Amino acid sequence: MSPVWKFPFEVKDHVFAIEMPEGAEILSLQVQRDVPAIWAFIPKPRAPKIERSFWICVTGGSCPPGKYIGTFQLAGGQFVGHLFEVTR
């Protein structure tokens, strides 16, 4: 059986990276206890970790070409971010 792992991240910059085992499949983006996180299915937990790049854009802002992951809200809806995975 393969696990689902959580990858929390901070909203400090609009571009950031997360190391995940190779082959990780992103399932969901949600906020838990005011911290945004990506949940991913990990078919091979011991696979080498690779860096995956993400971009947060705001409503009305420019968004990069890439795979849309999801939309999340912080600060009671005062901040709305749209998360995309981008390739470098």
PDB file of N, CA and C in Angstrom:
ATOM      1  N   MET A   1       0.842  -1.182   0.000  1.00  0.00           N
ATOM      2  CA  MET A   1       0.000   0.000   0.000  1.00  0.00           C
ATOM      3  C   MET A   1       0.886   1.243   0.000  1.00  0.00           C
ATOM      4  N   SER A   2       0.414   2.258  -0.665  1.00  0.00           N
ATOM      5  CA  SER A   2       1.173   3.503  -0.774  1.00  0.00           C
ATOM      6  C   SER A   2       0.525   4.585   0.085  1.00  0.00           C
ATOM      7  N   PRO A   3       1.362   5.445   0.684  1.00  0.00           N
ATOM      8  CA  PRO A   3       0.827   6.476   1.571  1.00  0.00           C
ATOM      9  C   PRO A   3       0.468   7.774   0.841  1.00  0.00           C
ATOM     10  N   VAL A   4      -0.284   8.585   1.549  1.00  0.00           N
ATOM     11  CA  VAL A   4      -0.532   9.971   1.149  1.00  0.00           C
ATOM     12  C   VAL A   4       0.257  10.833   2.118  1.00  0.00           C
ATOM     13  N   TRP A   5       1.056  11.743   1.588  1.00  0.00           N
ATOM     14  CA  TRP A   5       1.859  12.644   2.426  1.00  0.00           C
ATOM     15  C   TRP A   5       1.355  14.067   2.281  1.00  0.00           C
ATOM     16  N   LYS A   6       1.602  14.844   3.317  1.00  0.00           N
ATOM     17  CA  LYS A   6       1.230  16.269   3.332  1.00  0.00           C
ATOM     18  C   LYS A   6       2.502  17.102   3.199  1.00  0.00           C
ATOM     19  N   PHE A   7       2.432  18.151   2.378  1.00  0.00           N
ATOM     20  CA  PHE A   7       3.549  19.069   2.160  1.00  0.00           C
ATOM     21  C   PHE A   7       3.082  20.497   2.439  1.00  0.00           C
ATOM     22  N   PRO A   8       3.179  20.952   3.687  1.00  0.00           N
ATOM     23  CA  PRO A   8       2.780  22.329   3.999  1.00  0.00           C
ATOM     24  C   PRO A   8       3.788  23.318   3.410  1.00  0.00           C
ATOM     25  N   PHE A   9       3.313  24.535   3.147  1.00  0.00           N
ATOM     26  CA  PHE A   9       4.203  25.570   2.625  1.00  0.00           C
ATOM     27  C   PHE A   9       3.783  26.934   3.155  1.00  0.00           C
ATOM     28  N   GLU A  10       4.730  27.859   3.142  1.00  0.00           N
ATOM     29  CA  GLU A  10       4.477  29.230   3.577  1.00  0.00           C
ATOM     30  C   GLU A  10       4.259  30.114   2.357  1.00  0.00           C
ATOM     31  N   VAL A  11       3.418  31.121   2.514  1.00  0.00           N
ATOM     32  CA  VAL A  11       3.192  32.083   1.451  1.00  0.00           C
ATOM     33  C   VAL A  11       4.101  33.275   1.727  1.00  0.00           C
ATOM     34  N   LYS A  12       5.368  33.133   1.313  1.00  0.00           N
ATOM     35  CA  LYS A  12       6.349  34.202   1.503  1.00  0.00           C
ATOM     36  C   LYS A  12       6.700  34.843   0.170  1.00  0.00           C
ATOM     37  N   ASP A  13       6.709  34.059  -0.861  1.00  0.00           N
ATOM     38  CA  ASP A  13       7.083  34.517  -2.190  1.00  0.00           C
ATOM     39  C   ASP A  13       6.126  33.851  -3.175  1.00  0.00           C
ATOM     40  N   HIS A  14       6.012  34.401  -4.359  1.00  0.00           N
ATOM     41  CA  HIS A  14       5.080  33.801  -5.315  1.00  0.00           C
ATOM     42  C   HIS A  14       5.649  32.558  -5.997  1.00  0.00           C
ATOM     43  N   VAL A  15       6.951  32.333  -5.883  1.00  0.00           N
ATOM     44  CA  VAL A  15       7.579  31.138  -6.463  1.00  0.00           C
ATOM     45  C   VAL A  15       8.288  30.380  -5.347  1.00  0.00           C
ATOM     46  N   PHE A  16       8.071  29.074  -5.282  1.00  0.00           N
ATOM     47  CA  PHE A  16       8.746  28.263  -4.276  1.00  0.00           C
ATOM     48  C   PHE A  16       8.863  26.836  -4.788  1.00  0.00           C
ATOM     49  N   ALA A  17       9.659  26.031  -4.109  1.00  0.00           N
ATOM     50  CA  ALA A  17       9.859  24.635  -4.493  1.00  0.00           C
ATOM     51  C   ALA A  17       9.635  23.727  -3.289  1.00  0.00           C
ATOM     52  N   ILE A  18       9.217  22.511  -3.588  1.00  0.00           N
ATOM     53  CA  ILE A  18       9.029  21.473  -2.569  1.00  0.00           C
ATOM     54  C   ILE A  18       9.699  20.211  -3.089  1.00  0.00           C
ATOM     55  N   GLU A  19      10.451  19.544  -2.222  1.00  0.00           N
ATOM     56  CA  GLU A  19      11.019  18.243  -2.581  1.00  0.00           C
ATOM     57  C   GLU A  19       9.998  17.158  -2.291  1.00  0.00           C
ATOM     58  N   MET A  20       9.756  16.332  -3.291  1.00  0.00           N
ATOM     59  CA  MET A  20       8.832  15.206  -3.172  1.00  0.00           C
ATOM     60  C   MET A  20       9.494  13.981  -3.791  1.00  0.00           C
ATOM     61  N   PRO A  21       9.136  12.786  -3.313  1.00  0.00           N
ATOM     62  CA  PRO A  21       9.661  11.592  -3.978  1.00  0.00           C
ATOM     63  C   PRO A  21       9.225  11.570  -5.446  1.00  0.00           C
ATOM     64  N   GLU A  22      10.128  11.113  -6.291  1.00  0.00           N
ATOM     65  CA  GLU A  22       9.821  11.007  -7.718  1.00  0.00           C
ATOM     66  C   GLU A  22       8.563  10.165  -7.904  1.00  0.00           C
ATOM     67  N   GLY A  23       7.674  10.611  -8.760  1.00  0.00           N
ATOM     68  CA  GLY A  23       6.430   9.898  -9.021  1.00  0.00           C
ATOM     69  C   GLY A  23       5.269  10.331  -8.149  1.00  0.00           C
ATOM     70  N   ALA A  24       5.489  11.292  -7.246  1.00  0.00           N
ATOM     71  CA  ALA A  24       4.401  11.766  -6.388  1.00  0.00           C
ATOM     72  C   ALA A  24       3.283  12.354  -7.254  1.00  0.00           C
ATOM     73  N   GLU A  25       2.046  12.024  -6.903  1.00  0.00           N
ATOM     74  CA  GLU A  25       0.883  12.506  -7.642  1.00  0.00           C
ATOM     75  C   GLU A  25       0.085  13.437  -6.734  1.00  0.00           C
ATOM     76  N   ILE A  26       0.014  14.697  -7.101  1.00  0.00           N
ATOM     77  CA  ILE A  26      -0.705  15.675  -6.285  1.00  0.00           C
ATOM     78  C   ILE A  26      -2.195  15.375  -6.327  1.00  0.00           C
ATOM     79  N   LEU A  27      -2.786  15.311  -5.138  1.00  0.00           N
ATOM     80  CA  LEU A  27      -4.203  15.000  -4.998  1.00  0.00           C
ATOM     81  C   LEU A  27      -5.052  16.222  -4.670  1.00  0.00           C
ATOM     82  N   SER A  28      -4.517  17.093  -3.797  1.00  0.00           N
ATOM     83  CA  SER A  28      -5.353  18.168  -3.276  1.00  0.00           C
ATOM     84  C   SER A  28      -4.502  19.306  -2.728  1.00  0.00           C
ATOM     85  N   LEU A  29      -5.090  20.489  -2.716  1.00  0.00           N
ATOM     86  CA  LEU A  29      -4.533  21.678  -2.065  1.00  0.00           C
ATOM     87  C   LEU A  29      -5.600  22.186  -1.120  1.00  0.00           C
ATOM     88  N   GLN A  30      -5.254  22.306   0.164  1.00  0.00           N
ATOM     89  CA  GLN A  30      -6.199  22.809   1.158  1.00  0.00           C
ATOM     90  C   GLN A  30      -5.445  23.573   2.231  1.00  0.00           C
ATOM     91  N   VAL A  31      -6.211  24.240   3.075  1.00  0.00           N
ATOM     92  CA  VAL A  31      -5.632  24.946   4.210  1.00  0.00           C
ATOM     93  C   VAL A  31      -6.041  24.194   5.470  1.00  0.00           C
ATOM     94  N   GLN A  32      -5.045  23.869   6.304  1.00  0.00           N
ATOM     95  CA  GLN A  32      -5.304  23.189   7.572  1.00  0.00           C
ATOM     96  C   GLN A  32      -4.693  24.024   8.683  1.00  0.00           C
ATOM     97  N   ARG A  33      -5.512  24.460   9.622  1.00  0.00           N
ATOM     98  CA  ARG A  33      -5.056  25.303  10.732  1.00  0.00           C
ATOM     99  C   ARG A  33      -4.279  26.520  10.225  1.00  0.00           C
ATOM    100  N   ASP A  34      -4.831  27.190   9.223  1.00  0.00           N
ATOM    101  CA  ASP A  34      -4.266  28.415   8.637  1.00  0.00           C
ATOM    102  C   ASP A  34      -2.940  28.198   7.906  1.00  0.00           C
ATOM    103  N   VAL A  35      -2.607  26.966   7.559  1.00  0.00           N
ATOM    104  CA  VAL A  35      -1.381  26.671   6.811  1.00  0.00           C
ATOM    105  C   VAL A  35      -1.778  25.952   5.520  1.00  0.00           C
ATOM    106  N   PRO A  36      -1.441  26.529   4.351  1.00  0.00           N
ATOM    107  CA  PRO A  36      -1.741  25.823   3.114  1.00  0.00           C
ATOM    108  C   PRO A  36      -0.838  24.596   2.958  1.00  0.00           C
ATOM    109  N   ALA A  37      -1.393  23.561   2.345  1.00  0.00           N
ATOM    110  CA  ALA A  37      -0.630  22.325   2.160  1.00  0.00           C
ATOM    111  C   ALA A  37      -1.098  21.602   0.904  1.00  0.00           C
ATOM    112  N   ILE A  38      -0.164  20.868   0.330  1.00  0.00           N
ATOM    113  CA  ILE A  38      -0.444  19.994  -0.797  1.00  0.00           C
ATOM    114  C   ILE A  38      -0.436  18.564  -0.256  1.00  0.00           C
ATOM    115  N   TRP A  39      -1.442  17.785  -0.636  1.00  0.00           N
ATOM    116  CA  TRP A  39      -1.451  16.361  -0.302  1.00  0.00           C
ATOM    117  C   TRP A  39      -1.139  15.595  -1.581  1.00  0.00           C
ATOM    118  N   ALA A  40      -0.262  14.601  -1.468  1.00  0.00           N
ATOM    119  CA  ALA A  40       0.150  13.839  -2.641  1.00  0.00           C
ATOM    120  C   ALA A  40       0.205  12.353  -2.327  1.00  0.00           C
ATOM    121  N   PHE A  41      -0.188  11.564  -3.309  1.00  0.00           N
ATOM    122  CA  PHE A  41      -0.079  10.107  -3.267  1.00  0.00           C
ATOM    123  C   PHE A  41       1.374   9.773  -3.602  1.00  0.00           C
ATOM    124  N   ILE A  42       2.000   8.969  -2.772  1.00  0.00           N
ATOM    125  CA  ILE A  42       3.417   8.634  -2.934  1.00  0.00           C
ATOM    126  C   ILE A  42       3.535   7.145  -3.254  1.00  0.00           C
ATOM    127  N   PRO A  43       3.619   6.781  -4.543  1.00  0.00           N
ATOM    128  CA  PRO A  43       3.667   5.355  -4.884  1.00  0.00           C
ATOM    129  C   PRO A  43       4.966   4.669  -4.457  1.00  0.00           C
ATOM    130  N   LYS A  44       6.067   5.434  -4.392  1.00  0.00           N
ATOM    131  CA  LYS A  44       7.358   4.855  -3.999  1.00  0.00           C
ATOM    132  C   LYS A  44       8.015   5.784  -2.977  1.00  0.00           C
ATOM    133  N   PRO A  45       7.700   5.613  -1.693  1.00  0.00           N
ATOM    134  CA  PRO A  45       8.233   6.513  -0.659  1.00  0.00           C
ATOM    135  C   PRO A  45       9.758   6.590  -0.623  1.00  0.00           C
ATOM    136  N   ARG A  46      10.439   5.552  -1.045  1.00  0.00           N
ATOM    137  CA  ARG A  46      11.907   5.554  -1.002  1.00  0.00           C
ATOM    138  C   ARG A  46      12.542   6.017  -2.314  1.00  0.00           C
ATOM    139  N   ALA A  47      11.713   6.469  -3.252  1.00  0.00           N
ATOM    140  CA  ALA A  47      12.239   6.974  -4.524  1.00  0.00           C
ATOM    141  C   ALA A  47      13.065   8.233  -4.263  1.00  0.00           C
ATOM    142  N   PRO A  48      14.022   8.526  -5.144  1.00  0.00           N
ATOM    143  CA  PRO A  48      14.803   9.756  -4.972  1.00  0.00           C
ATOM    144  C   PRO A  48      13.878  10.974  -4.958  1.00  0.00           C
ATOM    145  N   LYS A  49      14.229  11.945  -4.127  1.00  0.00           N
ATOM    146  CA  LYS A  49      13.425  13.166  -4.059  1.00  0.00           C
ATOM    147  C   LYS A  49      13.829  14.108  -5.182  1.00  0.00           C
ATOM    148  N   ILE A  50      12.813  14.739  -5.755  1.00  0.00           N
ATOM    149  CA  ILE A  50      13.053  15.733  -6.792  1.00  0.00           C
ATOM    150  C   ILE A  50      12.389  17.040  -6.373  1.00  0.00           C
ATOM    151  N   GLU A  51      12.931  18.136  -6.853  1.00  0.00           N
ATOM    152  CA  GLU A  51      12.383  19.450  -6.534  1.00  0.00           C
ATOM    153  C   GLU A  51      11.300  19.786  -7.548  1.00  0.00           C
ATOM    154  N   ARG A  52      10.132  20.169  -7.034  1.00  0.00           N
ATOM    155  CA  ARG A  52       9.016  20.579  -7.892  1.00  0.00           C
ATOM    156  C   ARG A  52       8.724  22.036  -7.604  1.00  0.00           C
ATOM    157  N   SER A  53       8.505  22.804  -8.656  1.00  0.00           N
ATOM    158  CA  SER A  53       8.351  24.252  -8.540  1.00  0.00           C
ATOM    159  C   SER A  53       6.875  24.656  -8.630  1.00  0.00           C
ATOM    160  N   PHE A  54       6.516  25.616  -7.798  1.00  0.00           N
ATOM    161  CA  PHE A  54       5.135  26.091  -7.735  1.00  0.00           C
ATOM    162  C   PHE A  54       5.108  27.616  -7.790  1.00  0.00           C
ATOM    163  N   TRP A  55       4.006  28.147  -8.254  1.00  0.00           N
ATOM    164  CA  TRP A  55       3.810  29.583  -8.406  1.00  0.00           C
ATOM    165  C   TRP A  55       2.447  29.916  -7.829  1.00  0.00           C
ATOM    166  N   ILE A  56       2.403  30.934  -6.968  1.00  0.00           N
ATOM    167  CA  ILE A  56       1.142  31.430  -6.430  1.00  0.00           C
ATOM    168  C   ILE A  56       0.816  32.727  -7.155  1.00  0.00           C
ATOM    169  N   CYS A  57      -0.350  32.788  -7.754  1.00  0.00           N
ATOM    170  CA  CYS A  57      -0.779  34.063  -8.321  1.00  0.00           C
ATOM    171  C   CYS A  57      -2.086  34.459  -7.638  1.00  0.00           C
ATOM    172  N   VAL A  58      -2.380  35.737  -7.676  1.00  0.00           N
ATOM    173  CA  VAL A  58      -3.585  36.260  -7.036  1.00  0.00           C
ATOM    174  C   VAL A  58      -4.627  36.551  -8.105  1.00  0.00           C
ATOM    175  N   THR A  59      -5.860  36.638  -7.689  1.00  0.00           N
ATOM    176  CA  THR A  59      -6.940  36.942  -8.614  1.00  0.00           C
ATOM    177  C   THR A  59      -6.648  38.271  -9.314  1.00  0.00           C
ATOM    178  N   GLY A  60      -6.725  38.253 -10.625  1.00  0.00           N
ATOM    179  CA  GLY A  60      -6.449  39.449 -11.414  1.00  0.00           C
ATOM    180  C   GLY A  60      -4.987  39.611 -11.776  1.00  0.00           C
ATOM    181  N   GLY A  61      -4.112  38.786 -11.188  1.00  0.00           N
ATOM    182  CA  GLY A  61      -2.680  38.856 -11.470  1.00  0.00           C
ATOM    183  C   GLY A  61      -2.302  37.926 -12.608  1.00  0.00           C
ATOM    184  N   SER A  62      -1.072  38.024 -13.041  1.00  0.00           N
ATOM    185  CA  SER A  62      -0.570  37.155 -14.104  1.00  0.00           C
ATOM    186  C   SER A  62      -0.264  35.773 -13.542  1.00  0.00           C
ATOM    187  N   CYS A  63      -0.697  34.760 -14.259  1.00  0.00           N
ATOM    188  CA  CYS A  63      -0.433  33.380 -13.868  1.00  0.00           C
ATOM    189  C   CYS A  63       0.429  32.738 -14.941  1.00  0.00           C
ATOM    190  N   PRO A  64       1.377  31.906 -14.537  1.00  0.00           N
ATOM    191  CA  PRO A  64       2.283  31.299 -15.512  1.00  0.00           C
ATOM    192  C   PRO A  64       1.616  30.137 -16.231  1.00  0.00           C
ATOM    193  N   PRO A  65       2.184  29.750 -17.377  1.00  0.00           N
ATOM    194  CA  PRO A  65       1.708  28.495 -17.956  1.00  0.00           C
ATOM    195  C   PRO A  65       2.135  27.361 -17.029  1.00  0.00           C
ATOM    196  N   GLY A  66       1.282  26.440 -16.816  1.00  0.00           N
ATOM    197  CA  GLY A  66       1.590  25.331 -15.928  1.00  0.00           C
ATOM    198  C   GLY A  66       0.326  24.599 -15.562  1.00  0.00           C
ATOM    199  N   LYS A  67       0.460  23.636 -14.696  1.00  0.00           N
ATOM    200  CA  LYS A  67      -0.686  22.826 -14.270  1.00  0.00           C
ATOM    201  C   LYS A  67      -1.350  23.479 -13.059  1.00  0.00           C
ATOM    202  N   TYR A  68      -2.621  23.773 -13.181  1.00  0.00           N
ATOM    203  CA  TYR A  68      -3.387  24.333 -12.071  1.00  0.00           C
ATOM    204  C   TYR A  68      -3.556  23.268 -10.999  1.00  0.00           C
ATOM    205  N   ILE A  69      -3.215  23.618  -9.751  1.00  0.00           N
ATOM    206  CA  ILE A  69      -3.339  22.689  -8.628  1.00  0.00           C
ATOM    207  C   ILE A  69      -4.603  22.980  -7.827  1.00  0.00           C
ATOM    208  N   GLY A  70      -4.844  24.254  -7.540  1.00  0.00           N
ATOM    209  CA  GLY A  70      -6.033  24.600  -6.776  1.00  0.00           C
ATOM    210  C   GLY A  70      -5.984  26.031  -6.278  1.00  0.00           C
ATOM    211  N   THR A  71      -7.067  26.441  -5.650  1.00  0.00           N
ATOM    212  CA  THR A  71      -7.212  27.783  -5.079  1.00  0.00           C
ATOM    213  C   THR A  71      -7.367  27.636  -3.580  1.00  0.00           C
ATOM    214  N   PHE A  72      -6.738  28.562  -2.838  1.00  0.00           N
ATOM    215  CA  PHE A  72      -6.836  28.526  -1.384  1.00  0.00           C
ATOM    216  C   PHE A  72      -7.008  29.936  -0.844  1.00  0.00           C
ATOM    217  N   GLN A  73      -7.579  30.026   0.360  1.00  0.00           N
ATOM    218  CA  GLN A  73      -7.816  31.310   1.008  1.00  0.00           C
ATOM    219  C   GLN A  73      -7.168  31.322   2.379  1.00  0.00           C
ATOM    220  N   LEU A  74      -6.623  32.473   2.750  1.00  0.00           N
ATOM    221  CA  LEU A  74      -6.039  32.693   4.076  1.00  0.00           C
ATOM    222  C   LEU A  74      -6.614  33.971   4.658  1.00  0.00           C
ATOM    223  N   ALA A  75      -6.407  34.178   5.938  1.00  0.00           N
ATOM    224  CA  ALA A  75      -6.834  35.389   6.649  1.00  0.00           C
ATOM    225  C   ALA A  75      -8.326  35.655   6.445  1.00  0.00           C
ATOM    226  N   GLY A  76      -9.117  34.617   6.641  1.00  0.00           N
ATOM    227  CA  GLY A  76     -10.563  34.785   6.534  1.00  0.00           C
ATOM    228  C   GLY A  76     -11.025  35.198   5.149  1.00  0.00           C
ATOM    229  N   GLY A  77     -10.279  34.825   4.127  1.00  0.00           N
ATOM    230  CA  GLY A  77     -10.643  35.149   2.758  1.00  0.00           C
ATOM    231  C   GLY A  77     -10.048  36.449   2.248  1.00  0.00           C
ATOM    232  N   GLN A  78      -9.240  37.129   3.079  1.00  0.00           N
ATOM    233  CA  GLN A  78      -8.615  38.367   2.629  1.00  0.00           C
ATOM    234  C   GLN A  78      -7.527  38.109   1.601  1.00  0.00           C
ATOM    235  N   PHE A  79      -6.919  36.917   1.629  1.00  0.00           N
ATOM    236  CA  PHE A  79      -5.931  36.527   0.630  1.00  0.00           C
ATOM    237  C   PHE A  79      -6.467  35.312  -0.114  1.00  0.00           C
ATOM    238  N   VAL A  80      -6.478  35.401  -1.438  1.00  0.00           N
ATOM    239  CA  VAL A  80      -6.878  34.277  -2.276  1.00  0.00           C
ATOM    240  C   VAL A  80      -5.716  33.981  -3.216  1.00  0.00           C
ATOM    241  N   GLY A  81      -5.190  32.765  -3.147  1.00  0.00           N
ATOM    242  CA  GLY A  81      -4.077  32.358  -4.001  1.00  0.00           C
ATOM    243  C   GLY A  81      -4.483  31.222  -4.914  1.00  0.00           C
ATOM    244  N   HIS A  82      -3.934  31.244  -6.125  1.00  0.00           N
ATOM    245  CA  HIS A  82      -4.167  30.196  -7.111  1.00  0.00           C
ATOM    246  C   HIS A  82      -2.818  29.537  -7.350  1.00  0.00           C
ATOM    247  N   LEU A  83      -2.712  28.244  -7.086  1.00  0.00           N
ATOM    248  CA  LEU A  83      -1.434  27.538  -7.143  1.00  0.00           C
ATOM    249  C   LEU A  83      -1.295  26.774  -8.455  1.00  0.00           C
ATOM    250  N   PHE A  84      -0.141  26.992  -9.102  1.00  0.00           N
ATOM    251  CA  PHE A  84       0.204  26.301 -10.343  1.00  0.00           C
ATOM    252  C   PHE A  84       1.537  25.595 -10.149  1.00  0.00           C
ATOM    253  N   GLU A  85       1.675  24.415 -10.749  1.00  0.00           N
ATOM    254  CA  GLU A  85       2.978  23.767 -10.796  1.00  0.00           C
ATOM    255  C   GLU A  85       3.617  24.146 -12.131  1.00  0.00           C
ATOM    256  N   VAL A  86       4.855  24.590 -12.066  1.00  0.00           N
ATOM    257  CA  VAL A  86       5.542  25.033 -13.287  1.00  0.00           C
ATOM    258  C   VAL A  86       6.843  24.237 -13.451  1.00  0.00           C
ATOM    259  N   THR A  87       7.270  24.131 -14.682  1.00  0.00           N
ATOM    260  CA  THR A  87       8.555  23.468 -14.944  1.00  0.00           C
ATOM    261  C   THR A  87       9.599  24.534 -15.183  1.00  0.00           C
ATOM    262  N   ARG A  88      10.809  24.259 -14.743  1.00  0.00           N
ATOM    263  CA  ARG A  88      11.877  25.249 -14.895  1.00  0.00           C
ATOM    264  C   ARG A  88      12.632  25.029 -16.174  1.00  0.00           C
TER     265      ARG A  88
END
